[in-house]
């Protein structure tokens, strides 16, 4: 099965690592990591986002460190929300978080329009920080938590 996973991935945290691990585990025919373009990444955020080149390099490093299955991995730039998953006939499944799971229906509708088979979803639960809230890049950048979900700069419960 060829598995895709997509995101901004900046900065990378344990939630992203969980997505990558699932993609690598199931992607016995290859893994495609789609990293959002700089335009996409910054259009929906007010916070600072690392450059596309830096995010791709960080993804490459993390995936190499996690790739105990020795999967073939390709990293591409995602220029629109459903682009790669909607048009690439080689993709069999998409790894999603609860936040992005609902996008699978739109992707599969687009695949049908493109005369492609629908893809499966591999739902990966959120990784929670020490405070029980989900780990996110926004929280890491804000200094609330570190990349592993440990609380920073405040009182710990």
N, C-alpha and C. Protein backbone atom coordinates (compact mmCIF):
# COMPACT_ATOMS: atom_id res chain seq x y z
N UNK A 1 0.85 -1.17 0.00
CA UNK A 1 0.00 0.00 0.00
C UNK A 1 0.90 1.24 0.00
N UNK A 2 0.61 2.19 -0.88
CA UNK A 2 1.31 3.47 -0.87
C UNK A 2 0.49 4.44 -0.03
N UNK A 3 1.16 5.04 0.95
CA UNK A 3 0.48 5.88 1.93
C UNK A 3 1.00 7.30 1.83
N UNK A 4 0.07 8.25 1.93
CA UNK A 4 0.43 9.67 1.94
C UNK A 4 0.09 10.27 3.29
N UNK A 5 0.84 11.30 3.64
CA UNK A 5 0.56 12.11 4.81
C UNK A 5 0.93 13.54 4.43
N UNK A 6 0.14 14.50 4.88
CA UNK A 6 0.36 15.89 4.47
C UNK A 6 0.24 16.82 5.67
N UNK A 7 0.97 17.93 5.58
CA UNK A 7 0.88 18.92 6.63
C UNK A 7 1.88 20.03 6.44
N UNK A 8 1.83 20.98 7.34
CA UNK A 8 2.76 22.10 7.32
C UNK A 8 4.09 21.67 7.96
N UNK A 9 4.01 20.94 9.04
CA UNK A 9 5.18 20.34 9.70
C UNK A 9 6.23 21.38 10.09
N UNK A 10 5.77 22.43 10.77
CA UNK A 10 6.73 23.42 11.20
C UNK A 10 6.27 24.16 12.43
N UNK A 11 6.94 23.98 13.54
CA UNK A 11 8.00 23.02 13.79
C UNK A 11 7.44 21.62 14.04
N UNK A 12 8.29 20.62 13.83
CA UNK A 12 7.89 19.23 14.01
C UNK A 12 7.81 18.91 15.50
N UNK A 13 6.79 18.12 15.85
CA UNK A 13 6.58 17.70 17.24
C UNK A 13 6.14 16.24 17.26
N UNK A 14 5.88 15.72 18.44
CA UNK A 14 5.55 14.30 18.59
C UNK A 14 4.25 13.91 17.88
N UNK A 15 3.33 14.83 17.72
CA UNK A 15 2.13 14.53 16.94
C UNK A 15 2.47 14.23 15.49
N UNK A 16 3.37 15.02 14.91
CA UNK A 16 3.84 14.76 13.54
C UNK A 16 4.58 13.43 13.47
N UNK A 17 5.42 13.18 14.47
CA UNK A 17 6.17 11.91 14.48
C UNK A 17 5.21 10.72 14.49
N UNK A 18 4.10 10.85 15.21
CA UNK A 18 3.10 9.78 15.25
C UNK A 18 2.49 9.57 13.85
N UNK A 19 2.20 10.65 13.14
CA UNK A 19 1.69 10.54 11.77
C UNK A 19 2.71 9.85 10.86
N UNK A 20 3.96 10.29 10.95
CA UNK A 20 5.01 9.69 10.12
C UNK A 20 5.17 8.20 10.42
N UNK A 21 5.16 7.84 11.70
CA UNK A 21 5.31 6.43 12.08
C UNK A 21 4.19 5.57 11.49
N UNK A 22 2.96 6.06 11.54
CA UNK A 22 1.84 5.31 10.97
C UNK A 22 1.99 5.18 9.45
N UNK A 23 2.38 6.26 8.80
CA UNK A 23 2.57 6.20 7.34
C UNK A 23 3.66 5.19 7.00
N UNK A 24 4.75 5.21 7.74
CA UNK A 24 5.84 4.28 7.48
C UNK A 24 5.43 2.84 7.78
N UNK A 25 4.69 2.64 8.84
CA UNK A 25 4.26 1.30 9.21
C UNK A 25 3.39 0.67 8.11
N UNK A 26 2.44 1.44 7.57
CA UNK A 26 1.50 0.90 6.59
C UNK A 26 1.99 1.03 5.15
N UNK A 27 2.96 1.88 4.89
CA UNK A 27 3.38 2.19 3.53
C UNK A 27 4.38 1.22 2.94
N UNK A 28 4.01 -0.05 2.86
CA UNK A 28 4.95 -1.05 2.36
C UNK A 28 5.27 -0.88 0.87
N UNK A 29 4.47 -0.09 0.16
CA UNK A 29 4.77 0.22 -1.25
C UNK A 29 5.26 1.66 -1.43
N UNK A 30 5.56 2.31 -0.32
CA UNK A 30 6.10 3.66 -0.36
C UNK A 30 5.28 4.64 0.44
N UNK A 31 5.95 5.73 0.79
CA UNK A 31 5.32 6.79 1.58
C UNK A 31 5.57 8.11 0.87
N UNK A 32 4.52 8.89 0.76
CA UNK A 32 4.60 10.23 0.20
C UNK A 32 4.28 11.22 1.31
N UNK A 33 5.22 12.11 1.58
CA UNK A 33 4.98 13.19 2.55
C UNK A 33 4.82 14.47 1.76
N UNK A 34 3.63 15.07 1.87
CA UNK A 34 3.33 16.32 1.18
C UNK A 34 3.45 17.46 2.19
N UNK A 35 4.37 18.37 1.93
CA UNK A 35 4.61 19.51 2.82
C UNK A 35 3.98 20.74 2.17
N UNK A 36 3.13 21.44 2.92
CA UNK A 36 2.43 22.58 2.34
C UNK A 36 3.41 23.65 1.87
N UNK A 37 3.07 24.26 0.75
CA UNK A 37 3.87 25.35 0.20
C UNK A 37 3.92 26.49 1.21
N UNK A 38 4.87 27.38 1.02
CA UNK A 38 4.99 28.52 1.93
C UNK A 38 3.73 29.38 1.87
N UNK A 39 3.19 29.55 0.68
CA UNK A 39 1.96 30.34 0.52
C UNK A 39 0.81 29.72 1.29
N UNK A 40 0.62 28.41 1.16
CA UNK A 40 -0.44 27.74 1.92
C UNK A 40 -0.20 27.83 3.42
N UNK A 41 1.03 27.61 3.82
CA UNK A 41 1.36 27.58 5.24
C UNK A 41 1.12 28.93 5.91
N UNK A 42 1.45 30.00 5.22
CA UNK A 42 1.32 31.32 5.84
C UNK A 42 -0.05 31.96 5.64
N UNK A 43 -0.81 31.49 4.66
CA UNK A 43 -2.12 32.11 4.40
C UNK A 43 -3.13 31.81 5.49
N UNK A 44 -2.95 30.70 6.21
CA UNK A 44 -3.93 30.32 7.23
C UNK A 44 -3.41 30.50 8.66
N UNK A 45 -2.26 31.14 8.81
CA UNK A 45 -1.66 31.29 10.13
C UNK A 45 -1.17 32.72 10.34
N UNK A 46 -1.24 33.15 11.59
CA UNK A 46 -0.68 34.45 11.92
C UNK A 46 0.71 34.29 12.54
N UNK A 47 1.04 33.08 12.97
CA UNK A 47 2.35 32.83 13.58
C UNK A 47 3.41 32.65 12.51
N UNK A 48 4.64 32.74 12.95
CA UNK A 48 5.80 32.50 12.08
C UNK A 48 5.84 31.03 11.67
N UNK A 49 6.14 30.77 10.41
CA UNK A 49 6.27 29.40 9.89
C UNK A 49 7.66 29.29 9.26
N UNK A 50 8.41 28.24 9.62
CA UNK A 50 9.72 28.07 8.98
C UNK A 50 9.59 27.97 7.46
N UNK A 51 10.68 28.24 6.75
CA UNK A 51 10.65 28.20 5.29
C UNK A 51 10.33 26.79 4.80
N UNK A 52 9.83 26.70 3.58
CA UNK A 52 9.54 25.40 2.97
C UNK A 52 10.77 24.52 2.97
N UNK A 53 11.91 25.08 2.60
CA UNK A 53 13.15 24.30 2.55
C UNK A 53 13.52 23.75 3.92
N UNK A 54 13.38 24.58 4.96
CA UNK A 54 13.69 24.13 6.32
C UNK A 54 12.71 23.06 6.78
N UNK A 55 11.42 23.23 6.44
CA UNK A 55 10.42 22.24 6.84
C UNK A 55 10.65 20.92 6.12
N UNK A 56 10.98 20.96 4.83
CA UNK A 56 11.26 19.73 4.09
C UNK A 56 12.49 19.02 4.65
N UNK A 57 13.52 19.78 4.99
CA UNK A 57 14.74 19.18 5.55
C UNK A 57 14.42 18.53 6.90
N UNK A 58 13.62 19.19 7.72
CA UNK A 58 13.26 18.63 9.03
C UNK A 58 12.42 17.36 8.86
N UNK A 59 11.49 17.36 7.89
CA UNK A 59 10.68 16.17 7.62
C UNK A 59 11.59 15.03 7.17
N UNK A 60 12.49 15.31 6.25
CA UNK A 60 13.40 14.28 5.75
C UNK A 60 14.18 13.65 6.90
N UNK A 61 14.71 14.48 7.77
CA UNK A 61 15.49 13.99 8.90
C UNK A 61 14.64 13.14 9.84
N UNK A 62 13.45 13.62 10.19
CA UNK A 62 12.57 12.87 11.10
C UNK A 62 12.17 11.54 10.50
N UNK A 63 11.78 11.54 9.22
CA UNK A 63 11.34 10.31 8.58
C UNK A 63 12.49 9.31 8.50
N UNK A 64 13.68 9.78 8.18
CA UNK A 64 14.85 8.88 8.16
C UNK A 64 15.08 8.26 9.53
N UNK A 65 14.92 9.04 10.58
CA UNK A 65 15.13 8.53 11.94
C UNK A 65 14.07 7.51 12.34
N UNK A 66 12.85 7.65 11.81
CA UNK A 66 11.74 6.78 12.18
C UNK A 66 11.56 5.58 11.26
N UNK A 67 12.26 5.54 10.16
CA UNK A 67 12.01 4.57 9.10
C UNK A 67 12.67 3.21 9.37
N UNK A 68 12.21 2.54 10.41
CA UNK A 68 12.74 1.22 10.75
C UNK A 68 12.35 0.16 9.73
N UNK A 69 11.37 0.45 8.87
CA UNK A 69 10.91 -0.49 7.85
C UNK A 69 11.66 -0.32 6.53
N UNK A 70 12.53 0.68 6.45
CA UNK A 70 13.29 0.98 5.24
C UNK A 70 12.37 1.24 4.04
N UNK A 71 11.33 2.02 4.26
CA UNK A 71 10.37 2.35 3.20
C UNK A 71 10.97 3.37 2.25
N UNK A 72 10.52 3.31 0.99
CA UNK A 72 10.83 4.37 0.03
C UNK A 72 9.98 5.57 0.40
N UNK A 73 10.60 6.73 0.54
CA UNK A 73 9.90 7.94 0.95
C UNK A 73 10.16 9.03 -0.07
N UNK A 74 9.08 9.68 -0.47
CA UNK A 74 9.16 10.83 -1.38
C UNK A 74 8.56 12.03 -0.66
N UNK A 75 9.21 13.17 -0.77
CA UNK A 75 8.71 14.40 -0.17
C UNK A 75 8.40 15.36 -1.30
N UNK A 76 7.15 15.85 -1.31
CA UNK A 76 6.71 16.79 -2.35
C UNK A 76 6.12 18.03 -1.70
N UNK A 77 6.00 19.08 -2.51
CA UNK A 77 5.35 20.31 -2.07
C UNK A 77 3.87 20.23 -2.41
N UNK A 78 3.03 20.53 -1.43
CA UNK A 78 1.58 20.56 -1.61
C UNK A 78 1.17 22.01 -1.87
N UNK A 79 0.60 22.25 -3.06
CA UNK A 79 0.24 23.61 -3.44
C UNK A 79 -1.24 23.93 -3.29
N UNK A 80 -2.08 22.91 -3.12
CA UNK A 80 -3.48 23.16 -2.83
C UNK A 80 -4.00 22.06 -1.92
N UNK A 81 -5.08 22.32 -1.24
CA UNK A 81 -5.53 21.50 -0.13
C UNK A 81 -5.65 20.01 -0.45
N UNK A 82 -6.20 19.66 -1.59
CA UNK A 82 -6.43 18.25 -1.90
C UNK A 82 -5.60 17.76 -3.08
N UNK A 83 -4.75 18.60 -3.65
CA UNK A 83 -4.06 18.34 -4.90
C UNK A 83 -3.47 16.96 -5.09
N UNK A 84 -2.51 16.60 -4.31
CA UNK A 84 -1.77 15.35 -4.55
C UNK A 84 -2.67 14.14 -4.30
N UNK A 85 -3.36 14.10 -3.17
CA UNK A 85 -4.20 12.95 -2.85
C UNK A 85 -5.36 12.78 -3.82
N UNK A 86 -5.83 13.88 -4.39
CA UNK A 86 -6.95 13.82 -5.34
C UNK A 86 -6.53 13.40 -6.74
N UNK A 87 -5.26 13.54 -7.07
CA UNK A 87 -4.84 13.33 -8.46
C UNK A 87 -3.80 12.25 -8.67
N UNK A 88 -3.15 11.78 -7.62
CA UNK A 88 -2.10 10.78 -7.77
C UNK A 88 -2.70 9.38 -7.71
N UNK A 89 -2.71 8.66 -8.83
CA UNK A 89 -3.34 7.34 -8.84
C UNK A 89 -2.59 6.29 -8.03
N UNK A 90 -1.35 6.56 -7.66
CA UNK A 90 -0.57 5.56 -6.93
C UNK A 90 -0.88 5.53 -5.44
N UNK A 91 -1.57 6.54 -4.92
CA UNK A 91 -1.86 6.61 -3.48
C UNK A 91 -3.05 5.71 -3.14
N UNK A 92 -2.84 4.88 -2.11
CA UNK A 92 -3.88 3.96 -1.66
C UNK A 92 -4.53 4.41 -0.35
N UNK A 93 -3.81 5.17 0.46
CA UNK A 93 -4.33 5.56 1.77
C UNK A 93 -3.73 6.89 2.19
N UNK A 94 -4.47 7.59 3.05
CA UNK A 94 -4.03 8.87 3.59
C UNK A 94 -4.08 8.79 5.11
N UNK A 95 -2.95 9.11 5.74
CA UNK A 95 -2.89 9.18 7.19
C UNK A 95 -3.46 10.54 7.60
N UNK A 96 -4.42 10.52 8.53
CA UNK A 96 -5.05 11.76 8.97
C UNK A 96 -5.10 11.82 10.49
N UNK A 97 -5.19 13.04 10.98
CA UNK A 97 -5.46 13.27 12.40
C UNK A 97 -6.96 13.51 12.52
N UNK A 98 -7.51 13.54 13.73
CA UNK A 98 -8.92 13.88 13.87
C UNK A 98 -9.27 15.23 13.23
N UNK A 99 -8.31 16.15 13.23
CA UNK A 99 -8.52 17.49 12.67
C UNK A 99 -8.73 17.45 11.16
N UNK A 100 -8.06 16.52 10.48
CA UNK A 100 -8.10 16.50 9.02
C UNK A 100 -8.91 15.33 8.44
N UNK A 101 -9.46 14.47 9.28
CA UNK A 101 -10.15 13.26 8.82
C UNK A 101 -11.32 13.58 7.89
N UNK A 102 -12.04 14.67 8.16
CA UNK A 102 -13.22 14.99 7.34
C UNK A 102 -12.87 15.36 5.91
N UNK A 103 -11.61 15.70 5.65
CA UNK A 103 -11.19 16.07 4.30
C UNK A 103 -11.13 14.86 3.36
N UNK A 104 -11.10 13.65 3.93
CA UNK A 104 -11.01 12.45 3.11
C UNK A 104 -12.22 12.32 2.18
N UNK A 105 -13.40 12.69 2.63
CA UNK A 105 -14.60 12.60 1.78
C UNK A 105 -14.45 13.49 0.55
N UNK A 106 -13.96 14.72 0.74
CA UNK A 106 -13.74 15.63 -0.39
C UNK A 106 -12.67 15.10 -1.33
N UNK A 107 -11.62 14.54 -0.76
CA UNK A 107 -10.54 13.98 -1.58
C UNK A 107 -11.08 12.84 -2.44
N UNK A 108 -11.87 11.95 -1.83
CA UNK A 108 -12.41 10.83 -2.59
C UNK A 108 -13.43 11.29 -3.64
N UNK A 109 -14.19 12.34 -3.35
CA UNK A 109 -15.10 12.90 -4.37
C UNK A 109 -14.28 13.42 -5.55
N UNK A 110 -13.18 14.11 -5.26
CA UNK A 110 -12.30 14.60 -6.33
C UNK A 110 -11.66 13.45 -7.10
N UNK A 111 -11.29 12.38 -6.40
CA UNK A 111 -10.70 11.22 -7.07
C UNK A 111 -11.72 10.60 -8.04
N UNK A 112 -12.98 10.52 -7.62
CA UNK A 112 -14.00 9.97 -8.52
C UNK A 112 -14.15 10.82 -9.77
N UNK A 113 -14.11 12.14 -9.61
CA UNK A 113 -14.17 13.05 -10.77
C UNK A 113 -12.99 12.79 -11.70
N UNK A 114 -11.85 12.44 -11.12
CA UNK A 114 -10.63 12.16 -11.90
C UNK A 114 -10.53 10.69 -12.33
N UNK A 115 -11.65 9.94 -12.18
CA UNK A 115 -11.69 8.51 -12.54
C UNK A 115 -10.65 7.69 -11.80
N UNK A 116 -10.44 8.01 -10.52
CA UNK A 116 -9.50 7.26 -9.68
C UNK A 116 -10.27 6.54 -8.58
N UNK A 117 -9.70 5.43 -8.13
CA UNK A 117 -10.27 4.69 -7.01
C UNK A 117 -10.19 5.53 -5.73
N UNK A 118 -11.17 5.40 -4.85
CA UNK A 118 -11.08 6.11 -3.57
C UNK A 118 -9.91 5.56 -2.74
N UNK A 119 -9.44 6.37 -1.82
CA UNK A 119 -8.36 5.95 -0.93
C UNK A 119 -8.90 5.71 0.46
N UNK A 120 -8.19 4.90 1.22
CA UNK A 120 -8.54 4.62 2.60
C UNK A 120 -8.02 5.73 3.51
N UNK A 121 -8.62 5.84 4.66
CA UNK A 121 -8.10 6.74 5.68
C UNK A 121 -7.48 5.94 6.81
N UNK A 122 -6.36 6.38 7.29
CA UNK A 122 -5.72 5.79 8.46
C UNK A 122 -5.75 6.88 9.53
N UNK A 123 -6.70 6.77 10.44
CA UNK A 123 -6.90 7.80 11.47
C UNK A 123 -5.93 7.58 12.63
N UNK A 124 -5.16 8.61 12.92
CA UNK A 124 -4.17 8.56 13.99
C UNK A 124 -4.63 9.52 15.09
N UNK A 125 -4.74 9.03 16.32
CA UNK A 125 -5.20 9.92 17.39
C UNK A 125 -4.19 11.02 17.69
N UNK A 126 -4.70 12.09 18.29
CA UNK A 126 -3.82 13.16 18.72
C UNK A 126 -2.83 12.64 19.76
N UNK A 127 -1.66 13.24 19.80
CA UNK A 127 -0.71 13.04 20.89
C UNK A 127 -0.94 14.20 21.85
N UNK A 128 -1.13 13.87 23.11
CA UNK A 128 -1.47 14.89 24.09
C UNK A 128 -0.25 15.37 24.87
N UNK A 129 -0.29 16.64 25.20
CA UNK A 129 0.74 17.24 26.04
C UNK A 129 0.48 16.87 27.49
N UNK A 130 1.40 17.23 28.35
CA UNK A 130 1.27 16.92 29.78
C UNK A 130 -0.01 17.49 30.40
N UNK A 131 -0.57 18.55 29.81
CA UNK A 131 -1.78 19.16 30.34
C UNK A 131 -3.05 18.52 29.78
N UNK A 132 -2.91 17.47 28.97
CA UNK A 132 -4.07 16.78 28.41
C UNK A 132 -4.60 17.37 27.13
N UNK A 133 -4.06 18.50 26.71
CA UNK A 133 -4.45 19.12 25.44
C UNK A 133 -3.53 18.60 24.35
N UNK A 134 -3.99 18.68 23.10
CA UNK A 134 -3.18 18.13 22.02
C UNK A 134 -1.93 18.96 21.77
N UNK A 135 -0.90 18.27 21.34
CA UNK A 135 0.33 18.94 20.94
C UNK A 135 0.09 19.57 19.58
N UNK A 136 0.53 20.81 19.39
CA UNK A 136 0.42 21.48 18.10
C UNK A 136 1.63 22.38 17.91
N UNK A 137 1.94 22.64 16.65
CA UNK A 137 3.04 23.55 16.34
C UNK A 137 2.76 24.94 16.90
N UNK A 138 1.51 25.36 16.86
CA UNK A 138 1.14 26.67 17.38
C UNK A 138 1.49 26.77 18.87
N UNK A 139 1.21 25.73 19.63
CA UNK A 139 1.52 25.73 21.06
C UNK A 139 3.03 25.71 21.29
N UNK A 140 3.76 24.98 20.43
CA UNK A 140 5.22 24.94 20.55
C UNK A 140 5.79 26.33 20.28
N UNK A 141 5.35 26.96 19.18
CA UNK A 141 5.85 28.29 18.81
C UNK A 141 5.50 29.32 19.89
N UNK A 142 4.33 29.18 20.50
CA UNK A 142 3.91 30.12 21.55
C UNK A 142 4.67 29.92 22.85
N UNK A 143 5.45 28.83 22.95
CA UNK A 143 6.23 28.60 24.16
C UNK A 143 5.44 27.95 25.28
N UNK A 144 4.23 27.43 24.97
CA UNK A 144 3.42 26.75 25.99
C UNK A 144 4.01 25.39 26.33
N UNK A 145 4.47 24.68 25.28
CA UNK A 145 4.97 23.31 25.42
C UNK A 145 6.21 23.15 24.55
N UNK A 146 6.97 22.08 24.82
CA UNK A 146 8.07 21.75 23.91
C UNK A 146 7.56 20.75 22.88
N UNK A 147 8.42 20.30 22.00
CA UNK A 147 8.01 19.41 20.90
C UNK A 147 7.50 18.06 21.39
N UNK A 148 7.76 17.74 22.66
CA UNK A 148 7.31 16.47 23.23
C UNK A 148 6.08 16.65 24.12
N UNK A 149 5.58 17.88 24.22
CA UNK A 149 4.37 18.14 25.00
C UNK A 149 4.60 18.47 26.45
N UNK A 150 5.86 18.68 26.82
CA UNK A 150 6.15 19.09 28.20
C UNK A 150 5.81 20.56 28.35
N UNK A 151 5.16 20.90 29.46
CA UNK A 151 4.76 22.28 29.72
C UNK A 151 5.97 23.16 29.99
N UNK A 152 5.93 24.37 29.45
CA UNK A 152 7.02 25.33 29.61
C UNK A 152 6.51 26.62 30.22
N UNK A 153 7.36 27.28 30.95
CA UNK A 153 7.13 28.66 31.37
C UNK A 153 5.95 28.89 32.27
N UNK A 154 5.38 27.89 32.84
CA UNK A 154 4.25 28.12 33.72
C UNK A 154 4.21 27.07 34.80
N UNK A 155 3.15 27.13 35.57
CA UNK A 155 2.99 26.13 36.64
C UNK A 155 2.52 24.83 36.02
N UNK A 156 3.12 23.74 36.46
CA UNK A 156 2.68 22.42 35.99
C UNK A 156 1.66 21.87 36.96
N UNK A 157 0.67 21.19 36.42
CA UNK A 157 -0.39 20.63 37.26
C UNK A 157 0.01 19.31 37.84
